[in-house]
PDB file of N, CA and C in Angstrom:
ATOM      1  N   MET A   1       0.862  -1.182  -0.001  1.00  0.00           N
ATOM      2  CA  MET A   1       0.016   0.015  -0.001  1.00  0.00           C
ATOM      3  C   MET A   1       0.926   1.228   0.000  1.00  0.00           C
ATOM      4  N   THR A   2       0.543   2.173  -0.860  1.00  0.00           N
ATOM      5  CA  THR A   2       1.398   3.400  -0.908  1.00  0.00           C
ATOM      6  C   THR A   2       1.045   4.290   0.305  1.00  0.00           C
ATOM      7  N   ARG A   3       1.839   5.283   0.411  1.00  0.00           N
ATOM      8  CA  ARG A   3       1.727   6.174   1.592  1.00  0.00           C
ATOM      9  C   ARG A   3       0.410   6.874   1.691  1.00  0.00           C
ATOM     10  N   SER A   4      -0.089   7.430   0.590  1.00  0.00           N
ATOM     11  CA  SER A   4      -1.314   8.198   0.654  1.00  0.00           C
ATOM     12  C   SER A   4      -2.548   7.413   1.089  1.00  0.00           C
ATOM     13  N   PRO A   5      -2.831   6.209   0.532  1.00  0.00           N
ATOM     14  CA  PRO A   5      -3.978   5.474   1.013  1.00  0.00           C
ATOM     15  C   PRO A   5      -3.781   5.033   2.484  1.00  0.00           C
ATOM     16  N   ALA A   6      -2.572   4.729   2.792  1.00  0.00           N
ATOM     17  CA  ALA A   6      -2.337   4.296   4.226  1.00  0.00           C
ATOM     18  C   ALA A   6      -2.549   5.498   5.164  1.00  0.00           C
ATOM     19  N   ALA A   7      -2.247   6.699   4.711  1.00  0.00           N
ATOM     20  CA  ALA A   7      -2.538   7.867   5.584  1.00  0.00           C
ATOM     21  C   ALA A   7      -4.006   8.201   5.674  1.00  0.00           C
ATOM     22  N   ARG A   8      -4.749   7.780   4.744  1.00  0.00           N
ATOM     23  CA  ARG A   8      -6.245   8.118   4.752  1.00  0.00           C
ATOM     24  C   ARG A   8      -7.016   7.212   5.747  1.00  0.00           C
ATOM     25  N   ILE A   9      -6.494   6.039   6.028  1.00  0.00           N
ATOM     26  CA  ILE A   9      -7.177   5.097   6.885  1.00  0.00           C
ATOM     27  C   ILE A   9      -7.487   5.711   8.274  1.00  0.00           C
ATOM     28  N   PRO A  10      -6.478   6.239   8.972  1.00  0.00           N
ATOM     29  CA  PRO A  10      -6.758   6.855  10.288  1.00  0.00           C
ATOM     30  C   PRO A  10      -7.720   8.030  10.244  1.00  0.00           C
ATOM     31  N   ALA A  11      -7.786   8.680   9.131  1.00  0.00           N
ATOM     32  CA  ALA A  11      -8.755   9.796   8.958  1.00  0.00           C
ATOM     33  C   ALA A  11     -10.175   9.359   9.000  1.00  0.00           C
ATOM     34  N   HIS A  12     -10.431   8.148   8.559  1.00  0.00           N
ATOM     35  CA  HIS A  12     -11.831   7.624   8.501  1.00  0.00           C
ATOM     36  C   HIS A  12     -12.263   6.984   9.808  1.00  0.00           C
ATOM     37  N   GLU A  13     -11.356   6.572  10.621  1.00  0.00           N
ATOM     38  CA  GLU A  13     -11.705   5.885  11.857  1.00  0.00           C
ATOM     39  C   GLU A  13     -12.588   6.690  12.802  1.00  0.00           C
ATOM     40  N   PRO A  14     -12.310   7.973  13.048  1.00  0.00           N
ATOM     41  CA  PRO A  14     -13.196   8.733  13.936  1.00  0.00           C
ATOM     42  C   PRO A  14     -14.645   8.830  13.382  1.00  0.00           C
ATOM     43  N   ARG A  15     -14.749   8.852  12.093  1.00  0.00           N
ATOM     44  CA  ARG A  15     -16.140   8.864  11.474  1.00  0.00           C
ATOM     45  C   ARG A  15     -16.914   7.595  11.744  1.00  0.00           C
ATOM     46  N   VAL A  16     -16.230   6.539  11.890  1.00  0.00           N
ATOM     47  CA  VAL A  16     -16.883   5.211  12.179  1.00  0.00           C
ATOM     48  C   VAL A  16     -17.423   5.251  13.618  1.00  0.00           C
ATOM     49  N   ARG A  17     -16.674   5.911  14.514  1.00  0.00           N
ATOM     50  CA  ARG A  17     -17.053   5.952  15.932  1.00  0.00           C
ATOM     51  C   ARG A  17     -18.100   7.012  16.198  1.00  0.00           C
ATOM     52  N   THR A  18     -18.324   7.940  15.252  1.00  0.00           N
ATOM     53  CA  THR A  18     -19.276   9.076  15.501  1.00  0.00           C
ATOM     54  C   THR A  18     -20.535   8.851  14.724  1.00  0.00           C
ATOM     55  N   PRO A  19     -21.644   8.580  15.369  1.00  0.00           N
ATOM     56  CA  PRO A  19     -22.873   8.309  14.660  1.00  0.00           C
ATOM     57  C   PRO A  19     -23.427   9.590  13.922  1.00  0.00           C
ATOM     58  N   ASP A  20     -23.176  10.770  14.502  1.00  0.00           N
ATOM     59  CA  ASP A  20     -23.667  12.010  13.860  1.00  0.00           C
ATOM     60  C   ASP A  20     -22.465  12.819  13.413  1.00  0.00           C
ATOM     61  N   ARG A  21     -22.125  12.744  12.151  1.00  0.00           N
ATOM     62  CA  ARG A  21     -20.954  13.471  11.670  1.00  0.00           C
ATOM     63  C   ARG A  21     -21.111  14.954  11.774  1.00  0.00           C
ATOM     64  N   ALA A  22     -22.312  15.459  11.617  1.00  0.00           N
ATOM     65  CA  ALA A  22     -22.471  16.954  11.744  1.00  0.00           C
ATOM     66  C   ALA A  22     -22.178  17.378  13.170  1.00  0.00           C
ATOM     67  N   ALA A  23     -22.557  16.598  14.141  1.00  0.00           N
ATOM     68  CA  ALA A  23     -22.284  16.928  15.528  1.00  0.00           C
ATOM     69  C   ALA A  23     -20.780  16.951  15.825  1.00  0.00           C
ATOM     70  N   SER A  24     -20.065  16.070  15.175  1.00  0.00           N
ATOM     71  CA  SER A  24     -18.633  15.989  15.488  1.00  0.00           C
ATOM     72  C   SER A  24     -17.909  17.205  14.865  1.00  0.00           C
ATOM     73  N   THR A  25     -18.401  17.863  13.883  1.00  0.00           N
ATOM     74  CA  THR A  25     -17.784  19.049  13.291  1.00  0.00           C
ATOM     75  C   THR A  25     -18.407  20.369  13.756  1.00  0.00           C
ATOM     76  N   LYS A  26     -19.472  20.271  14.561  1.00  0.00           N
ATOM     77  CA  LYS A  26     -20.167  21.464  15.007  1.00  0.00           C
ATOM     78  C   LYS A  26     -19.272  22.473  15.753  1.00  0.00           C
ATOM     79  N   PRO A  27     -18.358  22.039  16.625  1.00  0.00           N
ATOM     80  CA  PRO A  27     -17.489  22.996  17.337  1.00  0.00           C
ATOM     81  C   PRO A  27     -16.601  23.775  16.360  1.00  0.00           C
ATOM     82  N   SER A  28     -16.048  23.118  15.367  1.00  0.00           N
ATOM     83  CA  SER A  28     -15.232  23.861  14.386  1.00  0.00           C
ATOM     84  C   SER A  28     -16.090  24.789  13.572  1.00  0.00           C
ATOM     85  N   ARG A  29     -17.249  24.354  13.150  1.00  0.00           N
ATOM     86  CA  ARG A  29     -18.114  25.261  12.333  1.00  0.00           C
ATOM     87  C   ARG A  29     -18.545  26.479  13.157  1.00  0.00           C
ATOM     88  N   SER A  30     -18.902  26.292  14.385  1.00  0.00           N
ATOM     89  CA  SER A  30     -19.335  27.405  15.194  1.00  0.00           C
ATOM     90  C   SER A  30     -18.190  28.362  15.470  1.00  0.00           C
ATOM     91  N   THR A  31     -16.982  27.839  15.664  1.00  0.00           N
ATOM     92  CA  THR A  31     -15.808  28.710  15.829  1.00  0.00           C
ATOM     93  C   THR A  31     -15.568  29.554  14.562  1.00  0.00           C
ATOM     94  N   MET A  32     -15.705  28.940  13.477  1.00  0.00           N
ATOM     95  CA  MET A  32     -15.502  29.712  12.196  1.00  0.00           C
ATOM     96  C   MET A  32     -16.633  30.771  12.048  1.00  0.00           C
ATOM     97  N   LEU A  33     -17.871  30.377  12.361  1.00  0.00           N
ATOM     98  CA  LEU A  33     -18.979  31.378  12.280  1.00  0.00           C
ATOM     99  C   LEU A  33     -18.769  32.524  13.255  1.00  0.00           C
ATOM    100  N   VAL A  34     -18.260  32.256  14.475  1.00  0.00           N
ATOM    101  CA  VAL A  34     -17.956  33.293  15.376  1.00  0.00           C
ATOM    102  C   VAL A  34     -16.859  34.259  14.838  1.00  0.00           C
ATOM    103  N   ARG A  35     -15.869  33.670  14.204  1.00  0.00           N
ATOM    104  CA  ARG A  35     -14.804  34.442  13.630  1.00  0.00           C
ATOM    105  C   ARG A  35     -15.296  35.357  12.551  1.00  0.00           C
ATOM    106  N   PHE A  36     -16.058  34.801  11.597  1.00  0.00           N
ATOM    107  CA  PHE A  36     -16.604  35.611  10.492  1.00  0.00           C
ATOM    108  C   PHE A  36     -17.568  36.696  11.015  1.00  0.00           C
ATOM    109  N   THR A  37     -18.323  36.391  12.007  1.00  0.00           N
ATOM    110  CA  THR A  37     -19.249  37.368  12.603  1.00  0.00           C
ATOM    111  C   THR A  37     -18.470  38.497  13.244  1.00  0.00           C
ATOM    112  N   ARG A  38     -17.454  38.159  13.995  1.00  0.00           N
ATOM    113  CA  ARG A  38     -16.606  39.114  14.720  1.00  0.00           C
ATOM    114  C   ARG A  38     -15.890  40.053  13.674  1.00  0.00           C
ATOM    115  N   GLU A  39     -15.373  39.436  12.616  1.00  0.00           N
ATOM    116  CA  GLU A  39     -14.720  40.293  11.590  1.00  0.00           C
ATOM    117  C   GLU A  39     -15.687  41.133  10.845  1.00  0.00           C
ATOM    118  N   ALA A  40     -16.895  40.631  10.608  1.00  0.00           N
ATOM    119  CA  ALA A  40     -17.955  41.443   9.885  1.00  0.00           C
ATOM    120  C   ALA A  40     -18.347  42.633  10.816  1.00  0.00           C
ATOM    121  N   ARG A  41     -18.493  42.368  12.083  1.00  0.00           N
ATOM    122  CA  ARG A  41     -18.885  43.383  12.981  1.00  0.00           C
ATOM    123  C   ARG A  41     -17.825  44.482  13.123  1.00  0.00           C
ATOM    124  N   GLU A  42     -16.573  44.047  13.068  1.00  0.00           N
ATOM    125  CA  GLU A  42     -15.431  45.043  13.145  1.00  0.00           C
ATOM    126  C   GLU A  42     -15.421  45.860  11.828  1.00  0.00           C
ATOM    127  N   ARG A  43     -15.676  45.274  10.732  1.00  0.00           N
ATOM    128  CA  ARG A  43     -15.657  46.022   9.444  1.00  0.00           C
ATOM    129  C   ARG A  43     -16.838  46.964   9.333  1.00  0.00           C
ATOM    130  N   LEU A  44     -18.042  46.562   9.823  1.00  0.00           N
ATOM    131  CA  LEU A  44     -19.270  47.352   9.607  1.00  0.00           C
ATOM    132  C   LEU A  44     -19.351  48.462  10.677  1.00  0.00           C
ATOM    133  N   GLY A  45     -18.821  48.222  11.835  1.00  0.00           N
ATOM    134  CA  GLY A  45     -18.890  49.198  12.871  1.00  0.00           C
ATOM    135  C   GLY A  45     -20.114  48.928  13.795  1.00  0.00           C
ATOM    136  N   PRO A  46     -20.176  49.786  14.877  1.00  0.00           N
ATOM    137  CA  PRO A  46     -21.209  49.542  15.888  1.00  0.00           C
ATOM    138  C   PRO A  46     -22.617  49.885  15.415  1.00  0.00           C
ATOM    139  N   ASP A  47     -22.751  50.650  14.295  1.00  0.00           N
ATOM    140  CA  ASP A  47     -24.067  51.066  13.861  1.00  0.00           C
ATOM    141  C   ASP A  47     -24.784  49.953  13.002  1.00  0.00           C
ATOM    142  N   ALA A  48     -24.098  48.897  12.668  1.00  0.00           N
ATOM    143  CA  ALA A  48     -24.701  47.907  11.807  1.00  0.00           C
ATOM    144  C   ALA A  48     -25.684  47.059  12.575  1.00  0.00           C
ATOM    145  N   THR A  49     -26.698  46.646  11.769  1.00  0.00           N
ATOM    146  CA  THR A  49     -27.814  45.824  12.378  1.00  0.00           C
ATOM    147  C   THR A  49     -27.358  44.376  12.412  1.00  0.00           C
ATOM    148  N   GLU A  50     -28.030  43.568  13.171  1.00  0.00           N
ATOM    149  CA  GLU A  50     -27.721  42.168  13.256  1.00  0.00           C
ATOM    150  C   GLU A  50     -27.782  41.493  11.899  1.00  0.00           C
ATOM    151  N   ARG A  51     -28.857  41.934  11.124  1.00  0.00           N
ATOM    152  CA  ARG A  51     -29.071  41.354   9.796  1.00  0.00           C
ATOM    153  C   ARG A  51     -27.883  41.678   8.881  1.00  0.00           C
ATOM    154  N   GLN A  52     -27.390  42.953   8.928  1.00  0.00           N
ATOM    155  CA  GLN A  52     -26.268  43.354   8.092  1.00  0.00           C
ATOM    156  C   GLN A  52     -25.023  42.541   8.498  1.00  0.00           C
ATOM    157  N   VAL A  53     -24.786  42.354   9.782  1.00  0.00           N
ATOM    158  CA  VAL A  53     -23.675  41.605  10.260  1.00  0.00           C
ATOM    159  C   VAL A  53     -23.753  40.140   9.797  1.00  0.00           C
ATOM    160  N   ALA A  54     -24.921  39.592   9.931  1.00  0.00           N
ATOM    161  CA  ALA A  54     -25.102  38.189   9.482  1.00  0.00           C
ATOM    162  C   ALA A  54     -24.846  38.001   8.023  1.00  0.00           C
ATOM    163  N   ARG A  55     -25.334  38.939   7.177  1.00  0.00           N
ATOM    164  CA  ARG A  55     -25.128  38.907   5.803  1.00  0.00           C
ATOM    165  C   ARG A  55     -23.645  39.026   5.410  1.00  0.00           C
ATOM    166  N   ALA A  56     -22.950  39.969   6.065  1.00  0.00           N
ATOM    167  CA  ALA A  56     -21.509  40.170   5.853  1.00  0.00           C
ATOM    168  C   ALA A  56     -20.753  38.977   6.276  1.00  0.00           C
ATOM    169  N   ALA A  57     -21.154  38.357   7.394  1.00  0.00           N
ATOM    170  CA  ALA A  57     -20.425  37.148   7.908  1.00  0.00           C
ATOM    171  C   ALA A  57     -20.625  35.979   6.955  1.00  0.00           C
ATOM    172  N   GLU A  58     -21.829  35.869   6.371  1.00  0.00           N
ATOM    173  CA  GLU A  58     -22.076  34.793   5.394  1.00  0.00           C
ATOM    174  C   GLU A  58     -21.280  35.014   4.102  1.00  0.00           C
ATOM    175  N   SER A  59     -21.170  36.266   3.705  1.00  0.00           N
ATOM    176  CA  SER A  59     -20.365  36.565   2.474  1.00  0.00           C
ATOM    177  C   SER A  59     -18.888  36.271   2.759  1.00  0.00           C
ATOM    178  N   ALA A  60     -18.440  36.627   3.947  1.00  0.00           N
ATOM    179  CA  ALA A  60     -17.003  36.349   4.346  1.00  0.00           C
ATOM    180  C   ALA A  60     -16.753  34.832   4.349  1.00  0.00           C
ATOM    181  N   ARG A  61     -17.688  34.090   4.899  1.00  0.00           N
ATOM    182  CA  ARG A  61     -17.580  32.621   4.915  1.00  0.00           C
ATOM    183  C   ARG A  61     -17.496  32.057   3.497  1.00  0.00           C
ATOM    184  N   LYS A  62     -18.358  32.471   2.617  1.00  0.00           N
ATOM    185  CA  LYS A  62     -18.348  32.039   1.189  1.00  0.00           C
ATOM    186  C   LYS A  62     -17.014  32.420   0.547  1.00  0.00           C
ATOM    187  N   ALA A  63     -16.573  33.586   0.753  1.00  0.00           N
ATOM    188  CA  ALA A  63     -15.323  34.047   0.149  1.00  0.00           C
ATOM    189  C   ALA A  63     -14.140  33.175   0.687  1.00  0.00           C
ATOM    190  N   PHE A  64     -14.146  32.890   1.972  1.00  0.00           N
ATOM    191  CA  PHE A  64     -13.111  32.105   2.545  1.00  0.00           C
ATOM    192  C   PHE A  64     -13.036  30.727   1.868  1.00  0.00           C
ATOM    193  N   TYR A  65     -14.188  30.092   1.779  1.00  0.00           N
ATOM    194  CA  TYR A  65     -14.190  28.725   1.139  1.00  0.00           C
ATOM    195  C   TYR A  65     -13.898  28.778  -0.364  1.00  0.00           C
ATOM    196  N   LYS A  66     -14.277  29.807  -1.023  1.00  0.00           N
ATOM    197  CA  LYS A  66     -13.944  29.989  -2.470  1.00  0.00           C
ATOM    198  C   LYS A  66     -12.426  30.089  -2.631  1.00  0.00           C
ATOM    199  N   ARG A  67     -11.833  30.922  -1.722  1.00  0.00           N
ATOM    200  CA  ARG A  67     -10.343  31.027  -1.806  1.00  0.00           C
ATOM    201  C   ARG A  67      -9.638  29.719  -1.456  1.00  0.00           C
ATOM    202  N   LEU A  68     -10.227  28.976  -0.477  1.00  0.00           N
ATOM    203  CA  LEU A  68      -9.669  27.674  -0.119  1.00  0.00           C
ATOM    204  C   LEU A  68      -9.745  26.679  -1.316  1.00  0.00           C
ATOM    205  N   SER A  69     -10.899  26.708  -1.991  1.00  0.00           N
ATOM    206  CA  SER A  69     -11.050  25.873  -3.173  1.00  0.00           C
ATOM    207  C   SER A  69     -10.069  26.249  -4.234  1.00  0.00           C
ATOM    208  N   ALA A  70      -9.964  27.489  -4.503  1.00  0.00           N
ATOM    209  CA  ALA A  70      -9.067  27.974  -5.561  1.00  0.00           C
ATOM    210  C   ALA A  70      -7.597  27.595  -5.270  1.00  0.00           C
ATOM    211  N   ALA A  71      -7.225  27.663  -4.022  1.00  0.00           N
ATOM    212  CA  ALA A  71      -5.862  27.269  -3.631  1.00  0.00           C
ATOM    213  C   ALA A  71      -5.663  25.796  -3.912  1.00  0.00           C
ATOM    214  N   GLY A  72      -6.683  24.956  -3.568  1.00  0.00           N
ATOM    215  CA  GLY A  72      -6.613  23.501  -3.852  1.00  0.00           C
ATOM    216  C   GLY A  72      -6.473  23.260  -5.296  1.00  0.00           C
ATOM    217  N   VAL A  73      -7.237  23.885  -6.123  1.00  0.00           N
ATOM    218  CA  VAL A  73      -7.155  23.692  -7.559  1.00  0.00           C
ATOM    219  C   VAL A  73      -5.765  24.091  -8.056  1.00  0.00           C
ATOM    220  N   ALA A  74      -5.189  25.226  -7.575  1.00  0.00           N
ATOM    221  CA  ALA A  74      -3.893  25.680  -8.043  1.00  0.00           C
ATOM    222  C   ALA A  74      -2.834  24.658  -7.621  1.00  0.00           C
ATOM    223  N   ALA A  75      -2.952  24.092  -6.397  1.00  0.00           N
ATOM    224  CA  ALA A  75      -1.972  23.111  -5.964  1.00  0.00           C
ATOM    225  C   ALA A  75      -2.029  21.852  -6.837  1.00  0.00           C
ATOM    226  N   ARG A  76      -3.282  21.440  -7.125  1.00  0.00           N
ATOM    227  CA  ARG A  76      -3.405  20.197  -7.944  1.00  0.00           C
ATOM    228  C   ARG A  76      -2.888  20.448  -9.302  1.00  0.00           C
ATOM    229  N   THR A  77      -3.134  21.645  -9.892  1.00  0.00           N
ATOM    230  CA  THR A  77      -2.686  21.957 -11.216  1.00  0.00           C
ATOM    231  C   THR A  77      -1.131  22.035 -11.286  1.00  0.00           C
ATOM    232  N   ALA A  78      -0.562  22.591 -10.221  1.00  0.00           N
ATOM    233  CA  ALA A  78       0.938  22.642 -10.182  1.00  0.00           C
ATOM    234  C   ALA A  78       1.499  21.269 -10.032  1.00  0.00           C
ATOM    235  N   ALA A  79       0.882  20.402  -9.243  1.00  0.00           N
ATOM    236  CA  ALA A  79       1.370  19.033  -9.109  1.00  0.00           C
ATOM    237  C   ALA A  79       1.281  18.301 -10.420  1.00  0.00           C
ATOM    238  N   LEU A  80       0.175  18.460 -11.155  1.00  0.00           N
ATOM    239  CA  LEU A  80       0.035  17.829 -12.473  1.00  0.00           C
ATOM    240  C   LEU A  80       1.062  18.293 -13.437  1.00  0.00           C
ATOM    241  N   HIS A  81       1.304  19.610 -13.429  1.00  0.00           N
ATOM    242  CA  HIS A  81       2.303  20.212 -14.261  1.00  0.00           C
ATOM    243  C   HIS A  81       3.682  19.643 -13.994  1.00  0.00           C
ATOM    244  N   GLN A  82       4.099  19.548 -12.724  1.00  0.00           N
ATOM    245  CA  GLN A  82       5.329  18.938 -12.343  1.00  0.00           C
ATOM    246  C   GLN A  82       5.472  17.509 -12.812  1.00  0.00           C
ATOM    247  N   ALA A  83       4.379  16.760 -12.627  1.00  0.00           N
ATOM    248  CA  ALA A  83       4.370  15.367 -13.030  1.00  0.00           C
ATOM    249  C   ALA A  83       4.586  15.240 -14.534  1.00  0.00           C
ATOM    250  N   LEU A  84       3.925  16.088 -15.304  1.00  0.00           N
ATOM    251  CA  LEU A  84       4.098  16.047 -16.754  1.00  0.00           C
ATOM    252  C   LEU A  84       5.471  16.391 -17.192  1.00  0.00           C
ATOM    253  N   VAL A  85       6.061  17.403 -16.495  1.00  0.00           N
ATOM    254  CA  VAL A  85       7.441  17.762 -16.807  1.00  0.00           C
ATOM    255  C   VAL A  85       8.414  16.600 -16.504  1.00  0.00           C
ATOM    256  N   ARG A  86       8.232  15.947 -15.366  1.00  0.00           N
ATOM    257  CA  ARG A  86       9.081  14.788 -15.017  1.00  0.00           C
ATOM    258  C   ARG A  86       8.922  13.674 -16.011  1.00  0.00           C
ATOM    259  N   GLN A  87       7.641  13.417 -16.393  1.00  0.00           N
ATOM    260  CA  GLN A  87       7.345  12.348 -17.401  1.00  0.00           C
ATOM    261  C   GLN A  87       8.015  12.658 -18.741  1.00  0.00           C
ATOM    262  N   ARG A  88       7.941  13.888 -19.167  1.00  0.00           N
ATOM    263  CA  ARG A  88       8.489  14.254 -20.456  1.00  0.00           C
ATOM    264  C   ARG A  88      10.052  14.122 -20.420  1.00  0.00           C
ATOM    265  N   ARG A  89      10.609  14.632 -19.289  1.00  0.00           N
ATOM    266  CA  ARG A  89      12.081  14.589 -19.194  1.00  0.00           C
ATOM    267  C   ARG A  89      12.543  13.111 -19.156  1.00  0.00           C
ATOM    268  N   SER A  90      11.762  12.256 -18.468  1.00  0.00           N
ATOM    269  CA  SER A  90      12.140  10.860 -18.408  1.00  0.00           C
ATOM    270  C   SER A  90      12.017  10.190 -19.790  1.00  0.00           C
ATOM    271  N   ALA A  91      10.932  10.579 -20.536  1.00  0.00           N
ATOM    272  CA  ALA A  91      10.803   9.982 -21.862  1.00  0.00           C
ATOM    273  C   ALA A  91      11.925  10.436 -22.765  1.00  0.00           C
ATOM    274  N   LEU A  92      12.301  11.665 -22.700  1.00  0.00           N
ATOM    275  CA  LEU A  92      13.402  12.194 -23.487  1.00  0.00           C
ATOM    276  C   LEU A  92      14.715  11.506 -23.158  1.00  0.00           C
ATOM    277  N   ALA A  93      14.964  11.334 -21.870  1.00  0.00           N
ATOM    278  CA  ALA A  93      16.187  10.691 -21.461  1.00  0.00           C
ATOM    279  C   ALA A  93      16.204   9.220 -21.930  1.00  0.00           C
ATOM    280  N   TYR A  94      15.110   8.552 -21.827  1.00  0.00           N
ATOM    281  CA  TYR A  94      15.024   7.145 -22.290  1.00  0.00           C
ATOM    282  C   TYR A  94      15.255   7.073 -23.788  1.00  0.00           C
ATOM    283  N   ALA A  95      14.628   7.938 -24.506  1.00  0.00           N
ATOM    284  CA  ALA A  95      14.846   7.989 -25.993  1.00  0.00           C
ATOM    285  C   ALA A  95      16.270   8.323 -26.345  1.00  0.00           C
ATOM    286  N   SER A  96      16.881   9.167 -25.642  1.00  0.00           N
ATOM    287  CA  SER A  96      18.250   9.487 -25.853  1.00  0.00           C
ATOM    288  C   SER A  96      19.156   8.313 -25.604  1.00  0.00           C
ATOM    289  N   GLN A  97      18.899   7.549 -24.564  1.00  0.00           N
ATOM    290  CA  GLN A  97      19.692   6.343 -24.235  1.00  0.00           C
ATOM    291  C   GLN A  97      19.554   5.335 -25.391  1.00  0.00           C
ATOM    292  N   ASP A  98      18.330   5.108 -25.818  1.00  0.00           N
ATOM    293  CA  ASP A  98      18.109   4.203 -26.919  1.00  0.00           C
ATOM    294  C   ASP A  98      18.783   4.551 -28.165  1.00  0.00           C
ATOM    295  N   ALA A  99      18.759   5.892 -28.478  1.00  0.00           N
ATOM    296  CA  ALA A  99      19.442   6.377 -29.688  1.00  0.00           C
ATOM    297  C   ALA A  99      20.946   6.232 -29.568  1.00  0.00           C
ATOM    298  N   ASP A 100      21.508   6.482 -28.372  1.00  0.00           N
ATOM    299  CA  ASP A 100      22.857   6.311 -28.153  1.00  0.00           C
ATOM    300  C   ASP A 100      23.367   4.869 -28.305  1.00  0.00           C
ATOM    301  N   ARG A 101      22.440   3.957 -28.055  1.00  0.00           N
ATOM    302  CA  ARG A 101      22.810   2.492 -28.194  1.00  0.00           C
ATOM    303  C   ARG A 101      22.483   1.948 -29.562  1.00  0.00           C
ATOM    304  N   GLY A 102      21.913   2.801 -30.425  1.00  0.00           N
ATOM    305  CA  GLY A 102      21.589   2.428 -31.776  1.00  0.00           C
ATOM    306  C   GLY A 102      20.288   1.698 -31.866  1.00  0.00           C
ATOM    307  N   HIS A 103      19.349   1.882 -30.942  1.00  0.00           N
ATOM    308  CA  HIS A 103      18.067   1.168 -30.925  1.00  0.00           C
ATOM    309  C   HIS A 103      16.927   2.044 -31.496  1.00  0.00           C
ATOM    310  N   GLY A 104      17.167   2.547 -32.641  1.00  0.00           N
ATOM    311  CA  GLY A 104      16.053   3.352 -33.224  1.00  0.00           C
ATOM    312  C   GLY A 104      16.472   4.865 -33.336  1.00  0.00           C
ATOM    313  N   ARG A 105      15.531   5.580 -33.887  1.00  0.00           N
ATOM    314  CA  ARG A 105      15.916   6.981 -34.005  1.00  0.00           C
ATOM    315  C   ARG A 105      15.636   7.798 -32.770  1.00  0.00           C
ATOM    316  N   ARG A 106      16.334   8.833 -32.632  1.00  0.00           N
ATOM    317  CA  ARG A 106      16.095   9.753 -31.488  1.00  0.00           C
ATOM    318  C   ARG A 106      14.994  10.687 -31.899  1.00  0.00           C
ATOM    319  N   PRO A 107      13.913  10.761 -31.105  1.00  0.00           N
ATOM    320  CA  PRO A 107      12.773  11.515 -31.535  1.00  0.00           C
ATOM    321  C   PRO A 107      13.136  13.034 -31.546  1.00  0.00           C
ATOM    322  N   ALA A 108      12.681  13.691 -32.575  1.00  0.00           N
ATOM    323  CA  ALA A 108      12.900  15.164 -32.618  1.00  0.00           C
ATOM    324  C   ALA A 108      11.910  15.844 -31.681  1.00  0.00           C
ATOM    325  N   ARG A 109      12.333  16.959 -31.094  1.00  0.00           N
ATOM    326  CA  ARG A 109      11.498  17.646 -30.168  1.00  0.00           C
ATOM    327  C   ARG A 109      10.263  18.275 -30.842  1.00  0.00           C
ATOM    328  N   GLU A 110      10.288  18.294 -32.129  1.00  0.00           N
ATOM    329  CA  GLU A 110       9.193  18.894 -32.874  1.00  0.00           C
ATOM    330  C   GLU A 110       8.152  17.861 -33.291  1.00  0.00           C
ATOM    331  N   ASP A 111       8.358  16.582 -32.975  1.00  0.00           N
ATOM    332  CA  ASP A 111       7.293  15.635 -33.345  1.00  0.00           C
ATOM    333  C   ASP A 111       6.049  15.868 -32.582  1.00  0.00           C
ATOM    334  N   GLU A 112       4.946  15.237 -32.931  1.00  0.00           N
ATOM    335  CA  GLU A 112       3.621  15.522 -32.300  1.00  0.00           C
ATOM    336  C   GLU A 112       3.638  15.350 -30.806  1.00  0.00           C
ATOM    337  N   ALA A 113       4.118  14.240 -30.315  1.00  0.00           N
ATOM    338  CA  ALA A 113       4.088  14.022 -28.830  1.00  0.00           C
ATOM    339  C   ALA A 113       4.994  15.035 -28.129  1.00  0.00           C
ATOM    340  N   GLY A 114       6.141  15.277 -28.713  1.00  0.00           N
ATOM    341  CA  GLY A 114       7.054  16.258 -28.126  1.00  0.00           C
ATOM    342  C   GLY A 114       6.467  17.636 -28.065  1.00  0.00           C
ATOM    343  N   ALA A 115       5.834  18.003 -29.173  1.00  0.00           N
ATOM    344  CA  ALA A 115       5.243  19.400 -29.215  1.00  0.00           C
ATOM    345  C   ALA A 115       4.122  19.510 -28.208  1.00  0.00           C
ATOM    346  N   LYS A 116       3.290  18.511 -28.039  1.00  0.00           N
ATOM    347  CA  LYS A 116       2.213  18.525 -27.046  1.00  0.00           C
ATOM    348  C   LYS A 116       2.801  18.616 -25.668  1.00  0.00           C
ATOM    349  N   ALA A 117       3.788  17.779 -25.361  1.00  0.00           N
ATOM    350  CA  ALA A 117       4.400  17.760 -24.053  1.00  0.00           C
ATOM    351  C   ALA A 117       5.099  19.086 -23.730  1.00  0.00           C
ATOM    352  N   LEU A 118       5.717  19.626 -24.690  1.00  0.00           N
ATOM    353  CA  LEU A 118       6.385  20.950 -24.449  1.00  0.00           C
ATOM    354  C   LEU A 118       5.319  21.988 -24.228  1.00  0.00           C
ATOM    355  N   THR A 119       4.175  21.949 -24.929  1.00  0.00           N
ATOM    356  CA  THR A 119       3.134  22.908 -24.644  1.00  0.00           C
ATOM    357  C   THR A 119       2.629  22.768 -23.260  1.00  0.00           C
ATOM    358  N   LEU A 120       2.476  21.519 -22.785  1.00  0.00           N
ATOM    359  CA  LEU A 120       2.000  21.290 -21.428  1.00  0.00           C
ATOM    360  C   LEU A 120       3.031  21.787 -20.392  1.00  0.00           C
ATOM    361  N   MET A 121       4.293  21.603 -20.711  1.00  0.00           N
ATOM    362  CA  MET A 121       5.392  22.004 -19.779  1.00  0.00           C
ATOM    363  C   MET A 121       5.436  23.526 -19.605  1.00  0.00           C
ATOM    364  N   GLN A 122       5.026  24.262 -20.648  1.00  0.00           N
ATOM    365  CA  GLN A 122       5.094  25.691 -20.602  1.00  0.00           C
ATOM    366  C   GLN A 122       3.949  26.341 -19.939  1.00  0.00           C
ATOM    367  N   ARG A 123       2.891  25.584 -19.587  1.00  0.00           N
ATOM    368  CA  ARG A 123       1.765  26.152 -18.861  1.00  0.00           C
ATOM    369  C   ARG A 123       2.181  26.453 -17.449  1.00  0.00           C
ATOM    370  N   PRO A 124       1.532  27.493 -16.841  1.00  0.00           N
ATOM    371  CA  PRO A 124       1.884  27.820 -15.461  1.00  0.00           C
ATOM    372  C   PRO A 124       1.381  26.807 -14.440  1.00  0.00           C
TER     373      PRO A 124
END
């Protein structure tokens, strides 16, 4: 078993022991709600109504999770990009070794697969 699946097993064990998953995360959710409410109240000032504060806190919560999601997407995209770069470098090194041994032609960097891989490597 690789490291990642092995690391996921302990993460699932508390969920097995907790019959109500929402109840187990309630303290964290309420802490975040208090934080967003406090920040909204600070931004809006003492003249703000409870409804205005609640709306601002909800917007702050949504913005927080959107930023968190975007950061996850960026991290996965960067990891994919790095994997593609490593794969392309490995393929080029393998082809170079074969060509050095006389086992076929050395692929030009401009062939179809090479052009596609180079395009993927140049993406941010």
